[in-house]
Amino acid sequence: MFNFLNKKPAAFSSAQPQEVSQKLKNEKPLVLDVREPGEYAQGHIKGSKLIPLGQLPARLAELGDKEREIVTVCRSGARSSQAATLLAARGYNVTNLAGGMMGWQSAGLPVQK
């Protein structure tokens, strides 16, 4: 009998803000912001796509090719980790932004409003 409690979650990687900043310059991943619209309006990574975490399962078709890297982002990294787990389980190539937008801003990286 299969034990669901011991099922290993799908793997995804995490990257520090400076690493993600370099990826944006060189590799052009899709930045997926999973915060709520009000949070997003207060400041986000330029070119990011907003799909709140609660809407993500119903909006997967908007993400495009599963081979393109997706960088998940939220305020602190918790919701984006949940999003990364969901996406990795569905076969997407996912990296989570460690520390979320708080880490991004602490690193002095640009924010668009």
PDB file of N, CA and C in Angstrom:
ATOM      1  N   MET A   1       0.842  -1.194   0.000  1.00  0.00           N
ATOM      2  CA  MET A   1       0.000   0.000   0.000  1.00  0.00           C
ATOM      3  C   MET A   1       0.880   1.248   0.000  1.00  0.00           C
ATOM      4  N   PHE A   2       0.516   2.229  -0.811  1.00  0.00           N
ATOM      5  CA  PHE A   2       1.292   3.456  -0.938  1.00  0.00           C
ATOM      6  C   PHE A   2       1.018   4.356   0.261  1.00  0.00           C
ATOM      7  N   ASN A   3       2.078   4.899   0.830  1.00  0.00           N
ATOM      8  CA  ASN A   3       1.933   5.799   1.972  1.00  0.00           C
ATOM      9  C   ASN A   3       2.103   7.241   1.492  1.00  0.00           C
ATOM     10  N   PHE A   4       1.021   7.983   1.420  1.00  0.00           N
ATOM     11  CA  PHE A   4       1.075   9.353   0.937  1.00  0.00           C
ATOM     12  C   PHE A   4       1.855  10.271   1.865  1.00  0.00           C
ATOM     13  N   LEU A   5       1.918   9.954   3.136  1.00  0.00           N
ATOM     14  CA  LEU A   5       2.632  10.810   4.082  1.00  0.00           C
ATOM     15  C   LEU A   5       4.133  10.803   3.831  1.00  0.00           C
ATOM     16  N   ASN A   6       4.646   9.750   3.245  1.00  0.00           N
ATOM     17  CA  ASN A   6       6.078   9.676   2.980  1.00  0.00           C
ATOM     18  C   ASN A   6       6.436  10.102   1.567  1.00  0.00           C
ATOM     19  N   LYS A   7       5.462  10.575   0.818  1.00  0.00           N
ATOM     20  CA  LYS A   7       5.729  11.011  -0.548  1.00  0.00           C
ATOM     21  C   LYS A   7       6.645  12.234  -0.518  1.00  0.00           C
ATOM     22  N   LYS A   8       7.733  12.144  -1.252  1.00  0.00           N
ATOM     23  CA  LYS A   8       8.687  13.240  -1.301  1.00  0.00           C
ATOM     24  C   LYS A   8       8.136  14.354  -2.184  1.00  0.00           C
ATOM     25  N   PRO A   9       8.147  15.617  -1.696  1.00  0.00           N
ATOM     26  CA  PRO A   9       7.651  16.709  -2.528  1.00  0.00           C
ATOM     27  C   PRO A   9       8.546  16.921  -3.748  1.00  0.00           C
ATOM     28  N   ALA A  10       7.961  17.461  -4.792  1.00  0.00           N
ATOM     29  CA  ALA A  10       8.723  17.738  -6.003  1.00  0.00           C
ATOM     30  C   ALA A  10       9.823  18.754  -5.702  1.00  0.00           C
ATOM     31  N   ALA A  11      10.963  18.571  -6.306  1.00  0.00           N
ATOM     32  CA  ALA A  11      12.116  19.412  -6.029  1.00  0.00           C
ATOM     33  C   ALA A  11      12.085  20.707  -6.832  1.00  0.00           C
ATOM     34  N   PHE A  12      12.543  21.759  -6.194  1.00  0.00           N
ATOM     35  CA  PHE A  12      12.778  23.036  -6.865  1.00  0.00           C
ATOM     36  C   PHE A  12      13.991  23.660  -6.196  1.00  0.00           C
ATOM     37  N   SER A  13      14.609  24.596  -6.864  1.00  0.00           N
ATOM     38  CA  SER A  13      15.778  25.240  -6.284  1.00  0.00           C
ATOM     39  C   SER A  13      15.396  26.601  -5.714  1.00  0.00           C
ATOM     40  N   SER A  14      16.281  27.138  -4.893  1.00  0.00           N
ATOM     41  CA  SER A  14      16.122  28.492  -4.367  1.00  0.00           C
ATOM     42  C   SER A  14      17.326  29.305  -4.803  1.00  0.00           C
ATOM     43  N   ALA A  15      17.117  30.595  -4.979  1.00  0.00           N
ATOM     44  CA  ALA A  15      18.211  31.477  -5.378  1.00  0.00           C
ATOM     45  C   ALA A  15      18.138  32.770  -4.574  1.00  0.00           C
ATOM     46  N   GLN A  16      19.288  33.298  -4.255  1.00  0.00           N
ATOM     47  CA  GLN A  16      19.383  34.570  -3.544  1.00  0.00           C
ATOM     48  C   GLN A  16      19.035  35.708  -4.506  1.00  0.00           C
ATOM     49  N   PRO A  17      18.631  36.870  -3.968  1.00  0.00           N
ATOM     50  CA  PRO A  17      18.234  37.988  -4.829  1.00  0.00           C
ATOM     51  C   PRO A  17      19.261  38.354  -5.906  1.00  0.00           C
ATOM     52  N   GLN A  18      20.541  38.406  -5.565  1.00  0.00           N
ATOM     53  CA  GLN A  18      21.558  38.763  -6.564  1.00  0.00           C
ATOM     54  C   GLN A  18      21.619  37.727  -7.688  1.00  0.00           C
ATOM     55  N   GLU A  19      21.438  36.443  -7.336  1.00  0.00           N
ATOM     56  CA  GLU A  19      21.432  35.388  -8.357  1.00  0.00           C
ATOM     57  C   GLU A  19      20.257  35.570  -9.313  1.00  0.00           C
ATOM     58  N   VAL A  20      19.084  35.878  -8.755  1.00  0.00           N
ATOM     59  CA  VAL A  20      17.897  36.091  -9.587  1.00  0.00           C
ATOM     60  C   VAL A  20      18.092  37.315 -10.470  1.00  0.00           C
ATOM     61  N   SER A  21      18.684  38.364  -9.928  1.00  0.00           N
ATOM     62  CA  SER A  21      18.957  39.564 -10.711  1.00  0.00           C
ATOM     63  C   SER A  21      19.821  39.226 -11.921  1.00  0.00           C
ATOM     64  N   GLN A  22      20.827  38.380 -11.749  1.00  0.00           N
ATOM     65  CA  GLN A  22      21.674  37.959 -12.858  1.00  0.00           C
ATOM     66  C   GLN A  22      20.899  37.115 -13.871  1.00  0.00           C
ATOM     67  N   LYS A  23      20.035  36.223 -13.359  1.00  0.00           N
ATOM     68  CA  LYS A  23      19.209  35.405 -14.253  1.00  0.00           C
ATOM     69  C   LYS A  23      18.343  36.300 -15.137  1.00  0.00           C
ATOM     70  N   LEU A  24      17.802  37.363 -14.556  1.00  0.00           N
ATOM     71  CA  LEU A  24      16.935  38.261 -15.313  1.00  0.00           C
ATOM     72  C   LEU A  24      17.701  38.937 -16.448  1.00  0.00           C
ATOM     73  N   LYS A  25      18.980  39.205 -16.232  1.00  0.00           N
ATOM     74  CA  LYS A  25      19.799  39.843 -17.267  1.00  0.00           C
ATOM     75  C   LYS A  25      20.207  38.857 -18.350  1.00  0.00           C
ATOM     76  N   ASN A  26      20.475  37.607 -17.958  1.00  0.00           N
ATOM     77  CA  ASN A  26      21.082  36.648 -18.875  1.00  0.00           C
ATOM     78  C   ASN A  26      20.131  35.593 -19.439  1.00  0.00           C
ATOM     79  N   GLU A  27      19.202  35.105 -18.635  1.00  0.00           N
ATOM     80  CA  GLU A  27      18.420  33.927 -19.016  1.00  0.00           C
ATOM     81  C   GLU A  27      16.952  34.205 -19.284  1.00  0.00           C
ATOM     82  N   LYS A  28      16.445  35.323 -18.860  1.00  0.00           N
ATOM     83  CA  LYS A  28      15.054  35.733 -19.092  1.00  0.00           C
ATOM     84  C   LYS A  28      14.001  34.736 -18.577  1.00  0.00           C
ATOM     85  N   PRO A  29      14.076  34.362 -17.286  1.00  0.00           N
ATOM     86  CA  PRO A  29      13.020  33.504 -16.745  1.00  0.00           C
ATOM     87  C   PRO A  29      11.723  34.302 -16.585  1.00  0.00           C
ATOM     88  N   LEU A  30      10.627  33.585 -16.406  1.00  0.00           N
ATOM     89  CA  LEU A  30       9.356  34.219 -16.069  1.00  0.00           C
ATOM     90  C   LEU A  30       9.355  34.437 -14.560  1.00  0.00           C
ATOM     91  N   VAL A  31       9.171  35.674 -14.128  1.00  0.00           N
ATOM     92  CA  VAL A  31       9.069  35.973 -12.697  1.00  0.00           C
ATOM     93  C   VAL A  31       7.587  35.952 -12.352  1.00  0.00           C
ATOM     94  N   LEU A  32       7.211  35.016 -11.489  1.00  0.00           N
ATOM     95  CA  LEU A  32       5.818  34.828 -11.095  1.00  0.00           C
ATOM     96  C   LEU A  32       5.630  35.319  -9.669  1.00  0.00           C
ATOM     97  N   ASP A  33       4.913  36.417  -9.518  1.00  0.00           N
ATOM     98  CA  ASP A  33       4.635  37.006  -8.210  1.00  0.00           C
ATOM     99  C   ASP A  33       3.312  36.438  -7.725  1.00  0.00           C
ATOM    100  N   VAL A  34       3.314  35.777  -6.568  1.00  0.00           N
ATOM    101  CA  VAL A  34       2.110  35.102  -6.073  1.00  0.00           C
ATOM    102  C   VAL A  34       1.446  35.851  -4.910  1.00  0.00           C
ATOM    103  N   ARG A  35       1.811  37.126  -4.752  1.00  0.00           N
ATOM    104  CA  ARG A  35       1.170  37.932  -3.708  1.00  0.00           C
ATOM    105  C   ARG A  35      -0.205  38.408  -4.173  1.00  0.00           C
ATOM    106  N   GLU A  36      -0.866  39.149  -3.335  1.00  0.00           N
ATOM    107  CA  GLU A  36      -2.170  39.725  -3.669  1.00  0.00           C
ATOM    108  C   GLU A  36      -1.967  41.039  -4.422  1.00  0.00           C
ATOM    109  N   PRO A  37      -2.968  41.470  -5.204  1.00  0.00           N
ATOM    110  CA  PRO A  37      -2.821  42.682  -6.013  1.00  0.00           C
ATOM    111  C   PRO A  37      -2.368  43.922  -5.239  1.00  0.00           C
ATOM    112  N   GLY A  38      -2.871  44.116  -4.037  1.00  0.00           N
ATOM    113  CA  GLY A  38      -2.465  45.278  -3.232  1.00  0.00           C
ATOM    114  C   GLY A  38      -0.986  45.247  -2.874  1.00  0.00           C
ATOM    115  N   GLU A  39      -0.477  44.064  -2.579  1.00  0.00           N
ATOM    116  CA  GLU A  39       0.954  43.919  -2.271  1.00  0.00           C
ATOM    117  C   GLU A  39       1.789  44.197  -3.520  1.00  0.00           C
ATOM    118  N   TYR A  40       1.335  43.654  -4.630  1.00  0.00           N
ATOM    119  CA  TYR A  40       2.033  43.814  -5.908  1.00  0.00           C
ATOM    120  C   TYR A  40       2.124  45.295  -6.280  1.00  0.00           C
ATOM    121  N   ALA A  41       1.040  46.040  -6.061  1.00  0.00           N
ATOM    122  CA  ALA A  41       0.998  47.462  -6.398  1.00  0.00           C
ATOM    123  C   ALA A  41       1.988  48.278  -5.568  1.00  0.00           C
ATOM    124  N   GLN A  42       2.339  47.785  -4.390  1.00  0.00           N
ATOM    125  CA  GLN A  42       3.278  48.504  -3.527  1.00  0.00           C
ATOM    126  C   GLN A  42       4.717  48.385  -4.018  1.00  0.00           C
ATOM    127  N   GLY A  43       4.971  47.446  -4.911  1.00  0.00           N
ATOM    128  CA  GLY A  43       6.295  47.294  -5.483  1.00  0.00           C
ATOM    129  C   GLY A  43       6.552  45.865  -5.906  1.00  0.00           C
ATOM    130  N   HIS A  44       7.069  45.694  -7.122  1.00  0.00           N
ATOM    131  CA  HIS A  44       7.310  44.361  -7.670  1.00  0.00           C
ATOM    132  C   HIS A  44       8.527  44.387  -8.588  1.00  0.00           C
ATOM    133  N   ILE A  45       8.981  43.217  -8.979  1.00  0.00           N
ATOM    134  CA  ILE A  45      10.096  43.104  -9.907  1.00  0.00           C
ATOM    135  C   ILE A  45       9.580  43.432 -11.310  1.00  0.00           C
ATOM    136  N   LYS A  46      10.297  44.305 -11.990  1.00  0.00           N
ATOM    137  CA  LYS A  46       9.886  44.735 -13.334  1.00  0.00           C
ATOM    138  C   LYS A  46       9.696  43.519 -14.240  1.00  0.00           C
ATOM    139  N   GLY A  47       8.551  43.500 -14.937  1.00  0.00           N
ATOM    140  CA  GLY A  47       8.254  42.437 -15.877  1.00  0.00           C
ATOM    141  C   GLY A  47       7.644  41.193 -15.257  1.00  0.00           C
ATOM    142  N   SER A  48       7.425  41.222 -13.940  1.00  0.00           N
ATOM    143  CA  SER A  48       6.855  40.040 -13.286  1.00  0.00           C
ATOM    144  C   SER A  48       5.381  39.888 -13.628  1.00  0.00           C
ATOM    145  N   LYS A  49       4.903  38.651 -13.520  1.00  0.00           N
ATOM    146  CA  LYS A  49       3.502  38.324 -13.781  1.00  0.00           C
ATOM    147  C   LYS A  49       2.824  38.060 -12.447  1.00  0.00           C
ATOM    148  N   LEU A  50       1.715  38.711 -12.198  1.00  0.00           N
ATOM    149  CA  LEU A  50       0.965  38.522 -10.950  1.00  0.00           C
ATOM    150  C   LEU A  50      -0.101  37.451 -11.121  1.00  0.00           C
ATOM    151  N   ILE A  51       0.024  36.395 -10.344  1.00  0.00           N
ATOM    152  CA  ILE A  51      -1.041  35.398 -10.193  1.00  0.00           C
ATOM    153  C   ILE A  51      -1.048  35.040  -8.707  1.00  0.00           C
ATOM    154  N   PRO A  52      -2.018  35.563  -7.934  1.00  0.00           N
ATOM    155  CA  PRO A  52      -2.057  35.250  -6.513  1.00  0.00           C
ATOM    156  C   PRO A  52      -2.070  33.734  -6.267  1.00  0.00           C
ATOM    157  N   LEU A  53      -1.419  33.310  -5.200  1.00  0.00           N
ATOM    158  CA  LEU A  53      -1.262  31.894  -4.902  1.00  0.00           C
ATOM    159  C   LEU A  53      -2.581  31.137  -4.967  1.00  0.00           C
ATOM    160  N   GLY A  54      -3.645  31.685  -4.423  1.00  0.00           N
ATOM    161  CA  GLY A  54      -4.937  31.003  -4.417  1.00  0.00           C
ATOM    162  C   GLY A  54      -5.521  30.781  -5.806  1.00  0.00           C
ATOM    163  N   GLN A  55      -5.092  31.572  -6.783  1.00  0.00           N
ATOM    164  CA  GLN A  55      -5.590  31.453  -8.157  1.00  0.00           C
ATOM    165  C   GLN A  55      -4.690  30.592  -9.039  1.00  0.00           C
ATOM    166  N   LEU A  56      -3.491  30.277  -8.557  1.00  0.00           N
ATOM    167  CA  LEU A  56      -2.503  29.622  -9.397  1.00  0.00           C
ATOM    168  C   LEU A  56      -2.964  28.306 -10.019  1.00  0.00           C
ATOM    169  N   PRO A  57      -3.564  27.375  -9.258  1.00  0.00           N
ATOM    170  CA  PRO A  57      -3.961  26.107  -9.890  1.00  0.00           C
ATOM    171  C   PRO A  57      -4.893  26.276 -11.087  1.00  0.00           C
ATOM    172  N   ALA A  58      -5.747  27.288 -11.039  1.00  0.00           N
ATOM    173  CA  ALA A  58      -6.706  27.515 -12.123  1.00  0.00           C
ATOM    174  C   ALA A  58      -6.111  28.309 -13.291  1.00  0.00           C
ATOM    175  N   ARG A  59      -4.916  28.872 -13.086  1.00  0.00           N
ATOM    176  CA  ARG A  59      -4.339  29.750 -14.123  1.00  0.00           C
ATOM    177  C   ARG A  59      -3.014  29.231 -14.680  1.00  0.00           C
ATOM    178  N   LEU A  60      -2.752  27.946 -14.526  1.00  0.00           N
ATOM    179  CA  LEU A  60      -1.489  27.367 -15.005  1.00  0.00           C
ATOM    180  C   LEU A  60      -1.265  27.575 -16.501  1.00  0.00           C
ATOM    181  N   ALA A  61      -2.329  27.613 -17.273  1.00  0.00           N
ATOM    182  CA  ALA A  61      -2.204  27.780 -18.728  1.00  0.00           C
ATOM    183  C   ALA A  61      -1.531  29.102 -19.098  1.00  0.00           C
ATOM    184  N   GLU A  62      -1.583  30.077 -18.202  1.00  0.00           N
ATOM    185  CA  GLU A  62      -0.983  31.384 -18.467  1.00  0.00           C
ATOM    186  C   GLU A  62       0.542  31.362 -18.371  1.00  0.00           C
ATOM    187  N   LEU A  63       1.106  30.280 -17.851  1.00  0.00           N
ATOM    188  CA  LEU A  63       2.548  30.223 -17.619  1.00  0.00           C
ATOM    189  C   LEU A  63       3.360  29.825 -18.844  1.00  0.00           C
ATOM    190  N   GLY A  64       2.709  29.226 -19.818  1.00  0.00           N
ATOM    191  CA  GLY A  64       3.413  28.854 -21.038  1.00  0.00           C
ATOM    192  C   GLY A  64       4.245  27.591 -20.903  1.00  0.00           C
ATOM    193  N   ASP A  65       5.339  27.558 -21.635  1.00  0.00           N
ATOM    194  CA  ASP A  65       6.219  26.398 -21.751  1.00  0.00           C
ATOM    195  C   ASP A  65       6.787  25.952 -20.408  1.00  0.00           C
ATOM    196  N   LYS A  66       6.649  24.678 -20.104  1.00  0.00           N
ATOM    197  CA  LYS A  66       7.163  24.133 -18.845  1.00  0.00           C
ATOM    198  C   LYS A  66       8.688  24.132 -18.774  1.00  0.00           C
ATOM    199  N   GLU A  67       9.351  24.225 -19.926  1.00  0.00           N
ATOM    200  CA  GLU A  67      10.821  24.219 -19.949  1.00  0.00           C
ATOM    201  C   GLU A  67      11.401  25.564 -19.529  1.00  0.00           C
ATOM    202  N   ARG A  68      10.659  26.651 -19.749  1.00  0.00           N
ATOM    203  CA  ARG A  68      11.154  27.980 -19.371  1.00  0.00           C
ATOM    204  C   ARG A  68      11.196  28.070 -17.846  1.00  0.00           C
ATOM    205  N   GLU A  69      12.296  28.565 -17.330  1.00  0.00           N
ATOM    206  CA  GLU A  69      12.413  28.695 -15.878  1.00  0.00           C
ATOM    207  C   GLU A  69      11.415  29.715 -15.355  1.00  0.00           C
ATOM    208  N   ILE A  70      10.797  29.369 -14.237  1.00  0.00           N
ATOM    209  CA  ILE A  70       9.893  30.266 -13.531  1.00  0.00           C
ATOM    210  C   ILE A  70      10.524  30.572 -12.184  1.00  0.00           C
ATOM    211  N   VAL A  71      10.626  31.855 -11.847  1.00  0.00           N
ATOM    212  CA  VAL A  71      11.106  32.276 -10.533  1.00  0.00           C
ATOM    213  C   VAL A  71       9.890  32.735  -9.745  1.00  0.00           C
ATOM    214  N   THR A  72       9.585  32.044  -8.651  1.00  0.00           N
ATOM    215  CA  THR A  72       8.434  32.400  -7.824  1.00  0.00           C
ATOM    216  C   THR A  72       8.850  33.415  -6.768  1.00  0.00           C
ATOM    217  N   VAL A  73       7.949  34.389  -6.516  1.00  0.00           N
ATOM    218  CA  VAL A  73       8.233  35.499  -5.610  1.00  0.00           C
ATOM    219  C   VAL A  73       7.003  35.794  -4.761  1.00  0.00           C
ATOM    220  N   CYS A  74       7.220  36.103  -3.493  1.00  0.00           N
ATOM    221  CA  CYS A  74       6.161  36.637  -2.634  1.00  0.00           C
ATOM    222  C   CYS A  74       6.803  37.677  -1.706  1.00  0.00           C
ATOM    223  N   ARG A  75       6.209  37.942  -0.573  1.00  0.00           N
ATOM    224  CA  ARG A  75       6.764  38.945   0.339  1.00  0.00           C
ATOM    225  C   ARG A  75       8.030  38.439   1.020  1.00  0.00           C
ATOM    226  N   SER A  76       7.954  37.222   1.599  1.00  0.00           N
ATOM    227  CA  SER A  76       9.075  36.728   2.393  1.00  0.00           C
ATOM    228  C   SER A  76       9.663  35.407   1.907  1.00  0.00           C
ATOM    229  N   GLY A  77       8.972  34.724   1.008  1.00  0.00           N
ATOM    230  CA  GLY A  77       9.446  33.445   0.501  1.00  0.00           C
ATOM    231  C   GLY A  77       8.586  32.254   0.878  1.00  0.00           C
ATOM    232  N   ALA A  78       7.611  32.437   1.754  1.00  0.00           N
ATOM    233  CA  ALA A  78       6.770  31.313   2.201  1.00  0.00           C
ATOM    234  C   ALA A  78       5.725  30.925   1.150  1.00  0.00           C
ATOM    235  N   ARG A  79       4.935  31.895   0.694  1.00  0.00           N
ATOM    236  CA  ARG A  79       3.919  31.584  -0.320  1.00  0.00           C
ATOM    237  C   ARG A  79       4.565  31.155  -1.632  1.00  0.00           C
ATOM    238  N   SER A  80       5.677  31.789  -1.969  1.00  0.00           N
ATOM    239  CA  SER A  80       6.340  31.419  -3.222  1.00  0.00           C
ATOM    240  C   SER A  80       6.918  30.008  -3.145  1.00  0.00           C
ATOM    241  N   SER A  81       7.299  29.556  -1.950  1.00  0.00           N
ATOM    242  CA  SER A  81       7.742  28.158  -1.785  1.00  0.00           C
ATOM    243  C   SER A  81       6.578  27.205  -2.041  1.00  0.00           C
ATOM    244  N   GLN A  82       5.393  27.578  -1.571  1.00  0.00           N
ATOM    245  CA  GLN A  82       4.200  26.759  -1.826  1.00  0.00           C
ATOM    246  C   GLN A  82       3.913  26.714  -3.331  1.00  0.00           C
ATOM    247  N   ALA A  83       4.024  27.866  -3.988  1.00  0.00           N
ATOM    248  CA  ALA A  83       3.802  27.923  -5.429  1.00  0.00           C
ATOM    249  C   ALA A  83       4.842  27.083  -6.165  1.00  0.00           C
ATOM    250  N   ALA A  84       6.099  27.167  -5.733  1.00  0.00           N
ATOM    251  CA  ALA A  84       7.170  26.404  -6.375  1.00  0.00           C
ATOM    252  C   ALA A  84       6.929  24.903  -6.228  1.00  0.00           C
ATOM    253  N   THR A  85       6.462  24.486  -5.064  1.00  0.00           N
ATOM    254  CA  THR A  85       6.153  23.070  -4.838  1.00  0.00           C
ATOM    255  C   THR A  85       5.042  22.617  -5.785  1.00  0.00           C
ATOM    256  N   LEU A  86       3.989  23.418  -5.898  1.00  0.00           N
ATOM    257  CA  LEU A  86       2.871  23.097  -6.781  1.00  0.00           C
ATOM    258  C   LEU A  86       3.340  22.998  -8.228  1.00  0.00           C
ATOM    259  N   LEU A  87       4.131  23.977  -8.663  1.00  0.00           N
ATOM    260  CA  LEU A  87       4.594  23.994 -10.058  1.00  0.00           C
ATOM    261  C   LEU A  87       5.567  22.855 -10.356  1.00  0.00           C
ATOM    262  N   ALA A  88       6.485  22.591  -9.444  1.00  0.00           N
ATOM    263  CA  ALA A  88       7.451  21.505  -9.645  1.00  0.00           C
ATOM    264  C   ALA A  88       6.733  20.169  -9.752  1.00  0.00           C
ATOM    265  N   ALA A  89       5.680  19.984  -8.954  1.00  0.00           N
ATOM    266  CA  ALA A  89       4.914  18.736  -8.993  1.00  0.00           C
ATOM    267  C   ALA A  89       4.215  18.549 -10.334  1.00  0.00           C
ATOM    268  N   ARG A  90       4.010  19.649 -11.049  1.00  0.00           N
ATOM    269  CA  ARG A  90       3.361  19.600 -12.363  1.00  0.00           C
ATOM    270  C   ARG A  90       4.370  19.658 -13.511  1.00  0.00           C
ATOM    271  N   GLY A  91       5.640  19.532 -13.170  1.00  0.00           N
ATOM    272  CA  GLY A  91       6.669  19.424 -14.195  1.00  0.00           C
ATOM    273  C   GLY A  91       7.306  20.718 -14.657  1.00  0.00           C
ATOM    274  N   TYR A  92       7.039  21.825 -13.969  1.00  0.00           N
ATOM    275  CA  TYR A  92       7.650  23.093 -14.351  1.00  0.00           C
ATOM    276  C   TYR A  92       9.076  23.191 -13.807  1.00  0.00           C
ATOM    277  N   ASN A  93       9.905  23.976 -14.476  1.00  0.00           N
ATOM    278  CA  ASN A  93      11.280  24.269 -14.073  1.00  0.00           C
ATOM    279  C   ASN A  93      11.211  25.502 -13.161  1.00  0.00           C
ATOM    280  N   VAL A  94      11.341  25.303 -11.841  1.00  0.00           N
ATOM    281  CA  VAL A  94      11.053  26.367 -10.881  1.00  0.00           C
ATOM    282  C   VAL A  94      12.240  26.680  -9.973  1.00  0.00           C
ATOM    283  N   THR A  95      12.397  27.976  -9.714  1.00  0.00           N
ATOM    284  CA  THR A  95      13.342  28.481  -8.725  1.00  0.00           C
ATOM    285  C   THR A  95      12.566  29.441  -7.836  1.00  0.00           C
ATOM    286  N   ASN A  96      12.765  29.345  -6.520  1.00  0.00           N
ATOM    287  CA  ASN A  96      12.108  30.239  -5.576  1.00  0.00           C
ATOM    288  C   ASN A  96      13.079  31.344  -5.169  1.00  0.00           C
ATOM    289  N   LEU A  97      12.596  32.592  -5.149  1.00  0.00           N
ATOM    290  CA  LEU A  97      13.413  33.714  -4.691  1.00  0.00           C
ATOM    291  C   LEU A  97      13.506  33.657  -3.168  1.00  0.00           C
ATOM    292  N   ALA A  98      14.686  33.333  -2.660  1.00  0.00           N
ATOM    293  CA  ALA A  98      14.904  33.257  -1.207  1.00  0.00           C
ATOM    294  C   ALA A  98      14.716  34.643  -0.591  1.00  0.00           C
ATOM    295  N   GLY A  99      13.905  34.715   0.465  1.00  0.00           N
ATOM    296  CA  GLY A  99      13.674  35.981   1.147  1.00  0.00           C
ATOM    297  C   GLY A  99      12.625  36.860   0.508  1.00  0.00           C
ATOM    298  N   GLY A 100      12.100  36.445  -0.633  1.00  0.00           N
ATOM    299  CA  GLY A 100      11.028  37.184  -1.296  1.00  0.00           C
ATOM    300  C   GLY A 100      11.378  38.629  -1.607  1.00  0.00           C
ATOM    301  N   MET A 101      10.361  39.455  -1.717  1.00  0.00           N
ATOM    302  CA  MET A 101      10.564  40.872  -2.029  1.00  0.00           C
ATOM    303  C   MET A 101      11.288  41.590  -0.899  1.00  0.00           C
ATOM    304  N   MET A 102      11.140  41.117   0.326  1.00  0.00           N
ATOM    305  CA  MET A 102      11.875  41.724   1.435  1.00  0.00           C
ATOM    306  C   MET A 102      13.379  41.558   1.201  1.00  0.00           C
ATOM    307  N   GLY A 103      13.794  40.367   0.799  1.00  0.00           N
ATOM    308  CA  GLY A 103      15.197  40.114   0.502  1.00  0.00           C
ATOM    309  C   GLY A 103      15.664  40.894  -0.711  1.00  0.00           C
ATOM    310  N   TRP A 104      14.815  40.960  -1.728  1.00  0.00           N
ATOM    311  CA  TRP A 104      15.131  41.691  -2.962  1.00  0.00           C
ATOM    312  C   TRP A 104      15.414  43.158  -2.649  1.00  0.00           C
ATOM    313  N   GLN A 105      14.506  43.766  -1.864  1.00  0.00           N
ATOM    314  CA  GLN A 105      14.671  45.173  -1.519  1.00  0.00           C
ATOM    315  C   GLN A 105      15.858  45.385  -0.580  1.00  0.00           C
ATOM    316  N   SER A 106      16.080  44.472   0.346  1.00  0.00           N
ATOM    317  CA  SER A 106      17.226  44.570   1.259  1.00  0.00           C
ATOM    318  C   SER A 106      18.550  44.517   0.495  1.00  0.00           C
ATOM    319  N   ALA A 107      18.543  43.813  -0.633  1.00  0.00           N
ATOM    320  CA  ALA A 107      19.747  43.712  -1.460  1.00  0.00           C
ATOM    321  C   ALA A 107      19.933  44.954  -2.342  1.00  0.00           C
ATOM    322  N   GLY A 108      18.987  45.896  -2.244  1.00  0.00           N
ATOM    323  CA  GLY A 108      19.102  47.141  -3.005  1.00  0.00           C
ATOM    324  C   GLY A 108      18.751  46.994  -4.479  1.00  0.00           C
ATOM    325  N   LEU A 109      17.988  45.949  -4.803  1.00  0.00           N
ATOM    326  CA  LEU A 109      17.621  45.712  -6.197  1.00  0.00           C
ATOM    327  C   LEU A 109      16.376  46.517  -6.560  1.00  0.00           C
ATOM    328  N   PRO A 110      16.210  46.851  -7.844  1.00  0.00           N
ATOM    329  CA  PRO A 110      15.131  47.752  -8.253  1.00  0.00           C
ATOM    330  C   PRO A 110      13.728  47.168  -8.113  1.00  0.00           C
ATOM    331  N   VAL A 111      12.813  48.052  -7.732  1.00  0.00           N
ATOM    332  CA  VAL A 111      11.405  47.695  -7.575  1.00  0.00           C
ATOM    333  C   VAL A 111      10.580  48.645  -8.425  1.00  0.00           C
ATOM    334  N   GLN A 112       9.599  48.091  -9.115  1.00  0.00           N
ATOM    335  CA  GLN A 112       8.706  48.903  -9.939  1.00  0.00           C
ATOM    336  C   GLN A 112       7.385  49.053  -9.220  1.00  0.00           C
ATOM    337  N   LYS A 113       6.802  50.238  -9.297  1.00  0.00           N
ATOM    338  CA  LYS A 113       5.502  50.498  -8.670  1.00  0.00           C
ATOM    339  C   LYS A 113       4.499  50.892  -9.718  1.00  0.00           C
TER     340      LYS A 113
END
